[in-house]
Amino acid sequence: MTDARTMAGRFGMSDRARLVVAGAGLFGSEHLRMLAAWPDVAVVGVADANAEAAEAAASRFGVAETATDAIELTERLRPDGLIVATPGPTHVAIAGHALGLGIPVLVEKPVAMSVADAAKLAAMAEASDGFVLPGHVLRFSEPHRRFAGIVRSAAVGTILSVTARRHRDDSHARRYTEDPVLMTMVHDIDLALWLTGGEAMPRKVLATRRPAGTSRSETLATVTGATGAVWRLATAWTFPIESCPSDRIEVVGENGSAELDVDGTIRVFGTEPQTIEVTIDYDAALHAEHMHFVDCLRSGKPPETVTLREAITGLAVAEAAMASIGNGDVVITAG
């Protein structure tokens, strides 16, 4: 059971981690860019269903091996770890094959397209000497970690509600086939879970979307958390240009409130009000995620910053939200 035991480290502290990246699109290229600048790792292969994309990424980032089949490349190179940044519907097959070889995987969000598929991935991880690190990058963002520390202190008291917005330009509706809940709102679902306790399954969700039947829309979700705290989450893929309102999350508690705006400010209201200037650095967050992955490879210990069980809980909320659109309240289950 990979979440309850210490596995043997895969290589020495002075060795470079040999990694393969599956996916050479937007997310895969970001992983490759950051890894290319880090001397502790060697990306030994990149795979993409588009051969030209794989070759271009390999040339740009100095990767020796390419393939159109991530499973074949992983089988051939047997890396220390695999990063899966392919389209969501392929995650379980690619990650599951690596786990079958005992190779740990970092899987971009969403880890799977359904709770049922995520449960299959969990079973594969359970039977493997590898592990799954969900790519929930905001948990590695220093301002978000600082905000979480404030929320968990006595500054706001028992949490009553979490309110978050995350809006994007309408090119998302053209570029992505995945639902906005799985692509964008899932970040705030994970943050709300993290801030309110982690793995405990929320109770129910009511979601709406306008206009209906299109991704170029706004989705609103009201979630009743396991503790009774209410989450109000909003994401819109309607903005005609990239200039959107900044991402924002607010937590209201019995003793006050705290809010994080990615324009660079944490504000705390209560007995000791304060304003904290922060710098949102997504490169630093991604590097911290990579470091955690490699640390787990070296130590043989399973991930702690975010677990597959937490990712599955978040996916259950997302799945219930999508089921709720046009259908009313949905009671959340783990599948």
C-alpha atoms as a PDB file:
ATOM      1  CA  MET A   1       0.000   0.000   0.000  1.00  0.00           C
ATOM      2  CA  THR A   2       1.945   2.987  -1.299  1.00  0.00           C
ATOM      3  CA  ASP A   3       0.351   5.611   0.946  1.00  0.00           C
ATOM      4  CA  ALA A   4       1.225   3.741   4.149  1.00  0.00           C
ATOM      5  CA  ARG A   5       4.715   2.431   3.617  1.00  0.00           C
ATOM      6  CA  THR A   6       8.151   3.698   2.823  1.00  0.00           C
ATOM      7  CA  MET A   7       9.343   2.446  -0.539  1.00  0.00           C
ATOM      8  CA  ALA A   8      12.973   1.931  -1.411  1.00  0.00           C
ATOM      9  CA  GLY A   9      14.581   5.019  -2.975  1.00  0.00           C
ATOM     10  CA  ARG A  10      15.112   4.660  -6.706  1.00  0.00           C
ATOM     11  CA  PHE A  11      18.564   6.261  -6.979  1.00  0.00           C
ATOM     12  CA  GLY A  12      21.303   7.929  -4.941  1.00  0.00           C
ATOM     13  CA  MET A  13      21.171  11.476  -3.635  1.00  0.00           C
ATOM     14  CA  SER A  14      23.928  12.568  -6.023  1.00  0.00           C
ATOM     15  CA  ASP A  15      22.393  10.963  -9.129  1.00  0.00           C
ATOM     16  CA  ARG A  16      20.264  12.855 -11.630  1.00  0.00           C
ATOM     17  CA  ALA A  17      16.677  11.682 -11.861  1.00  0.00           C
ATOM     18  CA  ARG A  18      15.905  10.248 -15.304  1.00  0.00           C
ATOM     19  CA  LEU A  19      12.468  11.458 -16.369  1.00  0.00           C
ATOM     20  CA  VAL A  20      10.182  11.010 -19.348  1.00  0.00           C
ATOM     21  CA  VAL A  21       7.540  13.621 -20.177  1.00  0.00           C
ATOM     22  CA  ALA A  22       4.372  12.425 -21.901  1.00  0.00           C
ATOM     23  CA  GLY A  23       2.796  15.333 -23.747  1.00  0.00           C
ATOM     24  CA  ALA A  24       4.439  18.176 -25.667  1.00  0.00           C
ATOM     25  CA  GLY A  25       1.514  20.576 -25.677  1.00  0.00           C
ATOM     26  CA  LEU A  26       1.055  23.636 -23.461  1.00  0.00           C
ATOM     27  CA  PHE A  27       1.383  21.863 -20.103  1.00  0.00           C
ATOM     28  CA  GLY A  28       4.021  19.390 -21.244  1.00  0.00           C
ATOM     29  CA  SER A  29       6.138  22.206 -22.660  1.00  0.00           C
ATOM     30  CA  GLU A  30       5.976  24.056 -19.349  1.00  0.00           C
ATOM     31  CA  HIS A  31       7.233  20.961 -17.547  1.00  0.00           C
ATOM     32  CA  LEU A  32      10.007  20.532 -20.114  1.00  0.00           C
ATOM     33  CA  ARG A  33      11.036  24.187 -19.899  1.00  0.00           C
ATOM     34  CA  MET A  34      11.382  24.078 -16.133  1.00  0.00           C
ATOM     35  CA  LEU A  35      13.106  20.695 -16.047  1.00  0.00           C
ATOM     36  CA  ALA A  36      15.624  21.737 -18.714  1.00  0.00           C
ATOM     37  CA  ALA A  37      16.927  24.437 -16.367  1.00  0.00           C
ATOM     38  CA  TRP A  38      17.299  22.099 -13.376  1.00  0.00           C
ATOM     39  CA  PRO A  39      20.598  20.205 -13.144  1.00  0.00           C
ATOM     40  CA  ASP A  40      19.207  17.590 -10.723  1.00  0.00           C
ATOM     41  CA  VAL A  41      17.204  15.902 -13.479  1.00  0.00           C
ATOM     42  CA  ALA A  42      17.737  14.590 -16.991  1.00  0.00           C
ATOM     43  CA  VAL A  43      14.722  14.395 -19.290  1.00  0.00           C
ATOM     44  CA  VAL A  44      15.606  11.340 -21.356  1.00  0.00           C
ATOM     45  CA  GLY A  45      12.494  11.205 -23.519  1.00  0.00           C
ATOM     46  CA  VAL A  46       9.395  13.089 -24.639  1.00  0.00           C
ATOM     47  CA  ALA A  47       6.315  11.542 -26.228  1.00  0.00           C
ATOM     48  CA  ASP A  48       3.405  13.137 -28.035  1.00  0.00           C
ATOM     49  CA  ALA A  49       0.786  11.731 -30.385  1.00  0.00           C
ATOM     50  CA  ASN A  50       1.867  14.500 -32.782  1.00  0.00           C
ATOM     51  CA  ALA A  51       5.326  13.459 -33.973  1.00  0.00           C
ATOM     52  CA  GLU A  52       6.226  16.994 -35.063  1.00  0.00           C
ATOM     53  CA  ALA A  53       5.343  18.366 -31.623  1.00  0.00           C
ATOM     54  CA  ALA A  54       7.486  15.733 -29.924  1.00  0.00           C
ATOM     55  CA  GLU A  55      10.440  16.423 -32.225  1.00  0.00           C
ATOM     56  CA  ALA A  56      10.121  20.190 -31.815  1.00  0.00           C
ATOM     57  CA  ALA A  57      10.010  19.901 -28.023  1.00  0.00           C
ATOM     58  CA  ALA A  58      12.983  17.542 -28.000  1.00  0.00           C
ATOM     59  CA  SER A  59      14.998  19.940 -30.146  1.00  0.00           C
ATOM     60  CA  ARG A  60      14.056  22.960 -28.052  1.00  0.00           C
ATOM     61  CA  PHE A  61      14.786  21.371 -24.681  1.00  0.00           C
ATOM     62  CA  GLY A  62      17.662  19.051 -25.539  1.00  0.00           C
ATOM     63  CA  VAL A  63      15.883  15.707 -25.177  1.00  0.00           C
ATOM     64  CA  ALA A  64      17.450  12.726 -26.951  1.00  0.00           C
ATOM     65  CA  GLU A  65      14.514  10.330 -27.413  1.00  0.00           C
ATOM     66  CA  THR A  66      11.051  10.927 -28.866  1.00  0.00           C
ATOM     67  CA  ALA A  67       8.019   8.806 -29.662  1.00  0.00           C
ATOM     68  CA  THR A  68       4.373   9.139 -30.584  1.00  0.00           C
ATOM     69  CA  ASP A  69       3.452   6.449 -28.041  1.00  0.00           C
ATOM     70  CA  ALA A  70       4.130   7.355 -24.400  1.00  0.00           C
ATOM     71  CA  ILE A  71       3.602   3.772 -23.257  1.00  0.00           C
ATOM     72  CA  GLU A  72       6.167   2.435 -25.735  1.00  0.00           C
ATOM     73  CA  LEU A  73       8.699   5.114 -24.773  1.00  0.00           C
ATOM     74  CA  THR A  74       8.261   4.445 -21.058  1.00  0.00           C
ATOM     75  CA  GLU A  75       8.628   0.709 -21.625  1.00  0.00           C
ATOM     76  CA  ARG A  76      11.795   1.246 -23.650  1.00  0.00           C
ATOM     77  CA  LEU A  77      13.560   3.833 -21.463  1.00  0.00           C
ATOM     78  CA  ARG A  78      12.405   2.674 -17.993  1.00  0.00           C
ATOM     79  CA  PRO A  79      12.877   6.134 -16.413  1.00  0.00           C
ATOM     80  CA  ASP A  80      12.974   6.864 -12.687  1.00  0.00           C
ATOM     81  CA  GLY A  81       9.763   8.846 -13.065  1.00  0.00           C
ATOM     82  CA  LEU A  82       7.123   9.802 -15.637  1.00  0.00           C
ATOM     83  CA  ILE A  83       5.304  13.126 -15.973  1.00  0.00           C
ATOM     84  CA  VAL A  84       1.914  12.763 -17.678  1.00  0.00           C
ATOM     85  CA  ALA A  85       0.752  15.975 -19.366  1.00  0.00           C
ATOM     86  CA  THR A  86      -1.304  14.473 -22.183  1.00  0.00           C
ATOM     87  CA  PRO A  87      -5.047  15.051 -22.766  1.00  0.00           C
ATOM     88  CA  GLY A  88      -7.101  13.973 -19.756  1.00  0.00           C
ATOM     89  CA  PRO A  89      -8.742  10.897 -21.325  1.00  0.00           C
ATOM     90  CA  THR A  90      -5.291   9.291 -21.799  1.00  0.00           C
ATOM     91  CA  HIS A  91      -4.012   9.792 -18.245  1.00  0.00           C
ATOM     92  CA  VAL A  92      -5.080   6.507 -16.685  1.00  0.00           C
ATOM     93  CA  ALA A  93      -3.750   4.289 -19.486  1.00  0.00           C
ATOM     94  CA  ILE A  94      -0.353   6.008 -19.619  1.00  0.00           C
ATOM     95  CA  ALA A  95       0.091   6.390 -15.861  1.00  0.00           C
ATOM     96  CA  GLY A  96      -1.269   2.916 -15.168  1.00  0.00           C
ATOM     97  CA  HIS A  97       1.235   1.295 -17.519  1.00  0.00           C
ATOM     98  CA  ALA A  98       4.107   3.105 -15.803  1.00  0.00           C
ATOM     99  CA  LEU A  99       2.847   1.995 -12.398  1.00  0.00           C
ATOM    100  CA  GLY A 100       2.765  -1.561 -13.700  1.00  0.00           C
ATOM    101  CA  LEU A 101       6.495  -1.199 -14.328  1.00  0.00           C
ATOM    102  CA  GLY A 102       6.997   0.181 -10.815  1.00  0.00           C
ATOM    103  CA  ILE A 103       7.610   3.706 -12.149  1.00  0.00           C
ATOM    104  CA  PRO A 104       6.191   6.636 -10.118  1.00  0.00           C
ATOM    105  CA  VAL A 105       4.118   9.205 -11.999  1.00  0.00           C
ATOM    106  CA  LEU A 106       3.287  12.878 -11.703  1.00  0.00           C
ATOM    107  CA  VAL A 107      -0.104  13.274 -13.391  1.00  0.00           C
ATOM    108  CA  GLU A 108      -1.478  16.639 -14.472  1.00  0.00           C
ATOM    109  CA  LYS A 109      -4.975  17.537 -13.369  1.00  0.00           C
ATOM    110  CA  PRO A 110      -7.437  16.044 -13.682  1.00  0.00           C
ATOM    111  CA  VAL A 111      -5.791  12.740 -12.812  1.00  0.00           C
ATOM    112  CA  ALA A 112      -8.692  11.010 -14.579  1.00  0.00           C
ATOM    113  CA  MET A 113     -11.918  11.950 -16.312  1.00  0.00           C
ATOM    114  CA  SER A 114     -14.149  10.172 -13.796  1.00  0.00           C
ATOM    115  CA  VAL A 115     -14.087   8.874 -10.248  1.00  0.00           C
ATOM    116  CA  ALA A 116     -14.400   5.328 -11.592  1.00  0.00           C
ATOM    117  CA  ASP A 117     -11.269   5.743 -13.714  1.00  0.00           C
ATOM    118  CA  ALA A 118      -9.426   7.427 -10.843  1.00  0.00           C
ATOM    119  CA  ALA A 119     -10.305   4.464  -8.626  1.00  0.00           C
ATOM    120  CA  LYS A 120      -8.722   2.167 -11.223  1.00  0.00           C
ATOM    121  CA  LEU A 121      -5.584   4.317 -11.091  1.00  0.00           C
ATOM    122  CA  ALA A 122      -5.582   4.107  -7.295  1.00  0.00           C
ATOM    123  CA  ALA A 123      -5.818   0.316  -7.470  1.00  0.00           C
ATOM    124  CA  MET A 124      -2.870   0.258  -9.871  1.00  0.00           C
ATOM    125  CA  ALA A 125      -0.864   2.455  -7.499  1.00  0.00           C
ATOM    126  CA  GLU A 126      -1.790   0.215  -4.577  1.00  0.00           C
ATOM    127  CA  ALA A 127      -0.361  -2.804  -6.387  1.00  0.00           C
ATOM    128  CA  SER A 128       2.750  -0.956  -7.573  1.00  0.00           C
ATOM    129  CA  ASP A 129       6.115  -0.028  -6.115  1.00  0.00           C
ATOM    130  CA  GLY A 130       5.473   3.376  -7.687  1.00  0.00           C
ATOM    131  CA  PHE A 131       3.152   6.178  -6.605  1.00  0.00           C
ATOM    132  CA  VAL A 132       0.980   8.930  -8.076  1.00  0.00           C
ATOM    133  CA  LEU A 133       1.621  12.614  -7.396  1.00  0.00           C
ATOM    134  CA  PRO A 134      -1.379  14.643  -8.639  1.00  0.00           C
ATOM    135  CA  GLY A 135      -0.227  17.802 -10.425  1.00  0.00           C
ATOM    136  CA  HIS A 136      -2.177  20.233  -8.242  1.00  0.00           C
ATOM    137  CA  VAL A 137       0.381  22.985  -8.632  1.00  0.00           C
ATOM    138  CA  LEU A 138      -1.293  25.629  -6.442  1.00  0.00           C
ATOM    139  CA  ARG A 139      -0.573  23.518  -3.364  1.00  0.00           C
ATOM    140  CA  PHE A 140       3.096  24.212  -4.116  1.00  0.00           C
ATOM    141  CA  SER A 141       2.626  27.981  -4.581  1.00  0.00           C
ATOM    142  CA  GLU A 142       4.230  29.821  -1.663  1.00  0.00           C
ATOM    143  CA  PRO A 143       1.513  32.545  -1.441  1.00  0.00           C
ATOM    144  CA  HIS A 144      -1.197  29.871  -1.436  1.00  0.00           C
ATOM    145  CA  ARG A 145       0.676  27.924   1.241  1.00  0.00           C
ATOM    146  CA  ARG A 146       1.020  31.100   3.310  1.00  0.00           C
ATOM    147  CA  PHE A 147      -2.696  31.789   2.876  1.00  0.00           C
ATOM    148  CA  ALA A 148      -3.537  28.242   3.963  1.00  0.00           C
ATOM    149  CA  GLY A 149      -1.414  28.719   7.078  1.00  0.00           C
ATOM    150  CA  ILE A 150      -3.337  31.858   7.985  1.00  0.00           C
ATOM    151  CA  VAL A 151      -6.697  30.149   7.433  1.00  0.00           C
ATOM    152  CA  ARG A 152      -5.677  27.211   9.619  1.00  0.00           C
ATOM    153  CA  SER A 153      -4.498  29.470  12.427  1.00  0.00           C
ATOM    154  CA  ALA A 154      -6.834  31.207  14.860  1.00  0.00           C
ATOM    155  CA  ALA A 155      -6.991  34.248  12.579  1.00  0.00           C
ATOM    156  CA  VAL A 156     -10.427  33.484  11.096  1.00  0.00           C
ATOM    157  CA  GLY A 157     -11.712  30.718  13.385  1.00  0.00           C
ATOM    158  CA  THR A 158     -14.017  27.909  12.302  1.00  0.00           C
ATOM    159  CA  ILE A 159     -14.599  28.177   8.560  1.00  0.00           C
ATOM    160  CA  LEU A 160     -18.118  29.112   7.507  1.00  0.00           C
ATOM    161  CA  SER A 161     -17.641  29.625   3.774  1.00  0.00           C
ATOM    162  CA  VAL A 162     -15.162  29.611   0.901  1.00  0.00           C
ATOM    163  CA  THR A 163     -15.783  31.835  -2.127  1.00  0.00           C
ATOM    164  CA  ALA A 164     -13.598  31.624  -5.230  1.00  0.00           C
ATOM    165  CA  ARG A 165     -13.541  32.913  -8.786  1.00  0.00           C
ATOM    166  CA  ARG A 166     -11.316  31.784 -11.654  1.00  0.00           C
ATOM    167  CA  HIS A 167     -12.158  33.275 -15.054  1.00  0.00           C
ATOM    168  CA  ARG A 168     -10.454  32.724 -18.404  1.00  0.00           C
ATOM    169  CA  ASP A 169     -10.654  34.078 -21.952  1.00  0.00           C
ATOM    170  CA  ASP A 170     -13.010  32.414 -24.406  1.00  0.00           C
ATOM    171  CA  SER A 171     -10.201  30.774 -26.383  1.00  0.00           C
ATOM    172  CA  HIS A 172     -10.396  28.061 -23.713  1.00  0.00           C
ATOM    173  CA  ALA A 173     -13.774  27.033 -25.142  1.00  0.00           C
ATOM    174  CA  ARG A 174     -12.150  26.522 -28.548  1.00  0.00           C
ATOM    175  CA  ARG A 175      -8.891  24.935 -27.390  1.00  0.00           C
ATOM    176  CA  TYR A 176     -10.120  22.413 -24.833  1.00  0.00           C
ATOM    177  CA  THR A 177     -12.642  19.618 -25.150  1.00  0.00           C
ATOM    178  CA  GLU A 178     -12.724  19.043 -21.380  1.00  0.00           C
ATOM    179  CA  ASP A 179     -15.460  20.655 -19.293  1.00  0.00           C
ATOM    180  CA  PRO A 180     -14.608  24.016 -17.632  1.00  0.00           C
ATOM    181  CA  VAL A 181     -15.227  22.346 -14.268  1.00  0.00           C
ATOM    182  CA  LEU A 182     -12.458  19.813 -14.951  1.00  0.00           C
ATOM    183  CA  MET A 183     -10.096  22.306 -16.563  1.00  0.00           C
ATOM    184  CA  THR A 184     -10.470  25.400 -14.391  1.00  0.00           C
ATOM    185  CA  MET A 185     -12.864  25.103 -11.452  1.00  0.00           C
ATOM    186  CA  VAL A 186     -11.034  21.970 -10.292  1.00  0.00           C
ATOM    187  CA  HIS A 187      -8.260  24.228  -8.954  1.00  0.00           C
ATOM    188  CA  ASP A 188     -10.677  25.934  -6.567  1.00  0.00           C
ATOM    189  CA  ILE A 189     -12.325  22.656  -5.636  1.00  0.00           C
ATOM    190  CA  ASP A 190      -8.892  21.424  -4.578  1.00  0.00           C
ATOM    191  CA  LEU A 191      -8.090  24.651  -2.714  1.00  0.00           C
ATOM    192  CA  ALA A 192     -11.409  24.490  -0.850  1.00  0.00           C
ATOM    193  CA  LEU A 193     -10.753  20.860   0.111  1.00  0.00           C
ATOM    194  CA  TRP A 194      -7.238  21.731   1.242  1.00  0.00           C
ATOM    195  CA  LEU A 195      -8.351  24.728   3.295  1.00  0.00           C
ATOM    196  CA  THR A 196     -11.241  22.907   4.969  1.00  0.00           C
ATOM    197  CA  GLY A 197      -9.576  19.639   5.859  1.00  0.00           C
ATOM    198  CA  GLY A 198      -8.380  17.543   2.935  1.00  0.00           C
ATOM    199  CA  GLU A 199      -9.865  14.141   2.180  1.00  0.00           C
ATOM    200  CA  ALA A 200     -13.325  14.296   3.826  1.00  0.00           C
ATOM    201  CA  MET A 201     -16.029  14.003   1.154  1.00  0.00           C
ATOM    202  CA  PRO A 202     -18.333  17.045   0.797  1.00  0.00           C
ATOM    203  CA  ARG A 203     -22.050  16.365   1.050  1.00  0.00           C
ATOM    204  CA  LYS A 204     -23.773  17.843  -1.996  1.00  0.00           C
ATOM    205  CA  VAL A 205     -23.445  20.318  -4.852  1.00  0.00           C
ATOM    206  CA  LEU A 206     -25.753  22.508  -6.899  1.00  0.00           C
ATOM    207  CA  ALA A 207     -24.291  23.846 -10.146  1.00  0.00           C
ATOM    208  CA  THR A 208     -25.651  26.007 -12.947  1.00  0.00           C
ATOM    209  CA  ARG A 209     -24.270  27.076 -16.322  1.00  0.00           C
ATOM    210  CA  ARG A 210     -25.287  29.978 -18.540  1.00  0.00           C
ATOM    211  CA  PRO A 211     -25.638  29.926 -21.415  1.00  0.00           C
ATOM    212  CA  ALA A 212     -26.420  26.233 -21.254  1.00  0.00           C
ATOM    213  CA  GLY A 213     -24.906  23.696 -23.589  1.00  0.00           C
ATOM    214  CA  THR A 214     -21.637  25.479 -24.334  1.00  0.00           C
ATOM    215  CA  SER A 215     -18.229  25.823 -22.715  1.00  0.00           C
ATOM    216  CA  ARG A 216     -18.248  29.536 -23.564  1.00  0.00           C
ATOM    217  CA  SER A 217     -20.265  30.179 -20.432  1.00  0.00           C
ATOM    218  CA  GLU A 218     -20.127  30.823 -16.709  1.00  0.00           C
ATOM    219  CA  THR A 219     -20.399  27.907 -14.301  1.00  0.00           C
ATOM    220  CA  LEU A 220     -21.460  28.496 -10.700  1.00  0.00           C
ATOM    221  CA  ALA A 221     -21.287  25.782  -8.049  1.00  0.00           C
ATOM    222  CA  THR A 222     -22.475  25.798  -4.449  1.00  0.00           C
ATOM    223  CA  VAL A 223     -20.958  22.951  -2.448  1.00  0.00           C
ATOM    224  CA  THR A 224     -21.837  21.880   1.084  1.00  0.00           C
ATOM    225  CA  GLY A 225     -18.578  20.674   2.579  1.00  0.00           C
ATOM    226  CA  ALA A 226     -18.070  17.823   5.012  1.00  0.00           C
ATOM    227  CA  THR A 227     -17.802  20.289   7.911  1.00  0.00           C
ATOM    228  CA  GLY A 228     -20.902  22.212   6.845  1.00  0.00           C
ATOM    229  CA  ALA A 229     -18.899  25.071   5.349  1.00  0.00           C
ATOM    230  CA  VAL A 230     -20.414  26.320   2.095  1.00  0.00           C
ATOM    231  CA  TRP A 231     -18.244  26.796  -0.989  1.00  0.00           C
ATOM    232  CA  ARG A 232     -19.280  29.214  -3.733  1.00  0.00           C
ATOM    233  CA  LEU A 233     -17.187  28.639  -6.840  1.00  0.00           C
ATOM    234  CA  ALA A 234     -17.356  30.492 -10.154  1.00  0.00           C
ATOM    235  CA  THR A 235     -15.530  30.103 -13.435  1.00  0.00           C
ATOM    236  CA  ALA A 236     -16.285  31.780 -16.757  1.00  0.00           C
ATOM    237  CA  TRP A 237     -14.752  31.117 -20.170  1.00  0.00           C
ATOM    238  CA  THR A 238     -16.412  34.172 -21.688  1.00  0.00           C
ATOM    239  CA  PHE A 239     -13.832  36.942 -21.812  1.00  0.00           C
ATOM    240  CA  PRO A 240     -12.916  38.077 -25.353  1.00  0.00           C
ATOM    241  CA  ILE A 241      -9.314  38.881 -24.409  1.00  0.00           C
ATOM    242  CA  GLU A 242      -6.803  37.474 -21.923  1.00  0.00           C
ATOM    243  CA  SER A 243      -7.406  40.406 -19.569  1.00  0.00           C
ATOM    244  CA  CYS A 244      -9.748  38.787 -17.027  1.00  0.00           C
ATOM    245  CA  PRO A 245     -10.485  39.562 -13.375  1.00  0.00           C
ATOM    246  CA  SER A 246      -7.703  38.145 -11.218  1.00  0.00           C
ATOM    247  CA  ASP A 247      -8.171  34.783  -9.506  1.00  0.00           C
ATOM    248  CA  ARG A 248      -9.443  35.288  -5.979  1.00  0.00           C
ATOM    249  CA  ILE A 249     -10.377  33.148  -2.975  1.00  0.00           C
ATOM    250  CA  GLU A 250     -11.978  34.299   0.283  1.00  0.00           C
ATOM    251  CA  VAL A 251     -12.511  32.335   3.489  1.00  0.00           C
ATOM    252  CA  VAL A 252     -15.002  33.603   6.075  1.00  0.00           C
ATOM    253  CA  GLY A 253     -14.801  32.214   9.597  1.00  0.00           C
ATOM    254  CA  GLU A 254     -16.410  32.804  12.978  1.00  0.00           C
ATOM    255  CA  ASN A 255     -13.653  35.270  13.937  1.00  0.00           C
ATOM    256  CA  GLY A 256     -13.051  37.103  10.672  1.00  0.00           C
ATOM    257  CA  SER A 257     -11.991  36.467   7.100  1.00  0.00           C
ATOM    258  CA  ALA A 258      -8.970  36.134   4.854  1.00  0.00           C
ATOM    259  CA  GLU A 259      -8.688  36.607   1.115  1.00  0.00           C
ATOM    260  CA  LEU A 260      -6.000  35.962  -1.469  1.00  0.00           C
ATOM    261  CA  ASP A 261      -6.039  37.838  -4.748  1.00  0.00           C
ATOM    262  CA  VAL A 262      -3.436  36.770  -7.271  1.00  0.00           C
ATOM    263  CA  ASP A 263      -2.860  40.412  -8.086  1.00  0.00           C
ATOM    264  CA  GLY A 264      -0.447  40.005  -5.172  1.00  0.00           C
ATOM    265  CA  THR A 265      -2.306  40.602  -1.919  1.00  0.00           C
ATOM    266  CA  ILE A 266      -3.422  38.623   1.124  1.00  0.00           C
ATOM    267  CA  ARG A 267      -5.838  40.526   3.368  1.00  0.00           C
ATOM    268  CA  VAL A 268      -6.906  39.401   6.826  1.00  0.00           C
ATOM    269  CA  PHE A 269      -9.893  40.961   8.609  1.00  0.00           C
ATOM    270  CA  GLY A 270     -10.540  40.286  12.292  1.00  0.00           C
ATOM    271  CA  THR A 271      -9.043  41.138  15.663  1.00  0.00           C
ATOM    272  CA  GLU A 272      -5.641  41.694  14.037  1.00  0.00           C
ATOM    273  CA  PRO A 273      -6.236  42.981  10.479  1.00  0.00           C
ATOM    274  CA  GLN A 274      -3.290  42.857   8.121  1.00  0.00           C
ATOM    275  CA  THR A 275      -2.374  43.245   4.482  1.00  0.00           C
ATOM    276  CA  ILE A 276       0.452  41.121   3.105  1.00  0.00           C
ATOM    277  CA  GLU A 277       2.028  41.760  -0.276  1.00  0.00           C
ATOM    278  CA  VAL A 278       2.921  38.520  -2.071  1.00  0.00           C
ATOM    279  CA  THR A 279       4.316  37.551  -5.455  1.00  0.00           C
ATOM    280  CA  ILE A 280       2.498  34.879  -7.414  1.00  0.00           C
ATOM    281  CA  ASP A 281       5.221  32.931  -9.217  1.00  0.00           C
ATOM    282  CA  TYR A 282       3.874  29.959 -11.141  1.00  0.00           C
ATOM    283  CA  ASP A 283       7.353  28.946 -12.285  1.00  0.00           C
ATOM    284  CA  ALA A 284       8.424  28.687  -8.650  1.00  0.00           C
ATOM    285  CA  ALA A 285       5.322  26.639  -7.837  1.00  0.00           C
ATOM    286  CA  LEU A 286       5.976  24.230 -10.707  1.00  0.00           C
ATOM    287  CA  HIS A 287       9.619  23.896  -9.661  1.00  0.00           C
ATOM    288  CA  ALA A 288       8.501  23.138  -6.089  1.00  0.00           C
ATOM    289  CA  GLU A 289       6.171  20.461  -7.468  1.00  0.00           C
ATOM    290  CA  HIS A 290       9.054  18.950  -9.442  1.00  0.00           C
ATOM    291  CA  MET A 291      11.308  19.038  -6.374  1.00  0.00           C
ATOM    292  CA  HIS A 292       8.685  17.222  -4.293  1.00  0.00           C
ATOM    293  CA  PHE A 293       8.342  14.567  -6.994  1.00  0.00           C
ATOM    294  CA  VAL A 294      12.099  14.007  -7.183  1.00  0.00           C
ATOM    295  CA  ASP A 295      12.428  14.058  -3.381  1.00  0.00           C
ATOM    296  CA  CYS A 296       9.835  11.276  -3.237  1.00  0.00           C
ATOM    297  CA  LEU A 297      11.744   9.348  -5.912  1.00  0.00           C
ATOM    298  CA  ARG A 298      14.955   9.682  -3.913  1.00  0.00           C
ATOM    299  CA  SER A 299      13.525   8.890  -0.497  1.00  0.00           C
ATOM    300  CA  GLY A 300      11.036   6.251  -1.559  1.00  0.00           C
ATOM    301  CA  LYS A 301       8.364   8.016   0.500  1.00  0.00           C
ATOM    302  CA  PRO A 302       4.920   8.643  -1.017  1.00  0.00           C
ATOM    303  CA  PRO A 303       3.788  12.237  -1.685  1.00  0.00           C
ATOM    304  CA  GLU A 304       2.398  14.254   1.215  1.00  0.00           C
ATOM    305  CA  THR A 305       1.686  17.726  -0.191  1.00  0.00           C
ATOM    306  CA  VAL A 306      -1.229  16.336  -2.187  1.00  0.00           C
ATOM    307  CA  THR A 307      -2.350  12.715  -2.298  1.00  0.00           C
ATOM    308  CA  LEU A 308      -4.196  10.676  -4.891  1.00  0.00           C
ATOM    309  CA  ARG A 309      -6.989  10.169  -2.362  1.00  0.00           C
ATOM    310  CA  GLU A 310      -7.440  13.952  -2.126  1.00  0.00           C
ATOM    311  CA  ALA A 311      -7.437  14.226  -5.915  1.00  0.00           C
ATOM    312  CA  ILE A 312     -10.173  11.587  -6.113  1.00  0.00           C
ATOM    313  CA  THR A 313     -12.245  13.479  -3.545  1.00  0.00           C
ATOM    314  CA  GLY A 314     -11.914  16.633  -5.635  1.00  0.00           C
ATOM    315  CA  LEU A 315     -12.816  14.711  -8.774  1.00  0.00           C
ATOM    316  CA  ALA A 316     -15.959  13.404  -7.058  1.00  0.00           C
ATOM    317  CA  VAL A 317     -16.986  17.009  -6.370  1.00  0.00           C
ATOM    318  CA  ALA A 318     -16.264  18.009  -9.979  1.00  0.00           C
ATOM    319  CA  GLU A 319     -18.188  15.017 -11.311  1.00  0.00           C
ATOM    320  CA  ALA A 320     -21.165  15.863  -9.103  1.00  0.00           C
ATOM    321  CA  ALA A 321     -21.038  19.511 -10.214  1.00  0.00           C
ATOM    322  CA  MET A 322     -21.168  18.520 -13.882  1.00  0.00           C
ATOM    323  CA  ALA A 323     -24.032  16.107 -13.170  1.00  0.00           C
ATOM    324  CA  SER A 324     -25.893  18.859 -11.321  1.00  0.00           C
ATOM    325  CA  ILE A 325     -25.950  21.322 -14.218  1.00  0.00           C
ATOM    326  CA  GLY A 326     -29.575  21.469 -15.306  1.00  0.00           C
ATOM    327  CA  ASN A 327     -30.575  18.731 -12.859  1.00  0.00           C
ATOM    328  CA  GLY A 328     -30.570  20.280  -9.375  1.00  0.00           C
ATOM    329  CA  ASP A 329     -28.796  19.135  -6.208  1.00  0.00           C
ATOM    330  CA  VAL A 330     -26.512  16.115  -6.453  1.00  0.00           C
ATOM    331  CA  VAL A 331     -25.427  14.195  -3.373  1.00  0.00           C
ATOM    332  CA  ILE A 332     -21.709  13.488  -3.675  1.00  0.00           C
ATOM    333  CA  THR A 333     -20.389   9.950  -3.454  1.00  0.00           C
ATOM    334  CA  ALA A 334     -16.928   8.481  -3.954  1.00  0.00           C
ATOM    335  CA  GLY A 335     -18.156   6.261  -6.777  1.00  0.00           C
END
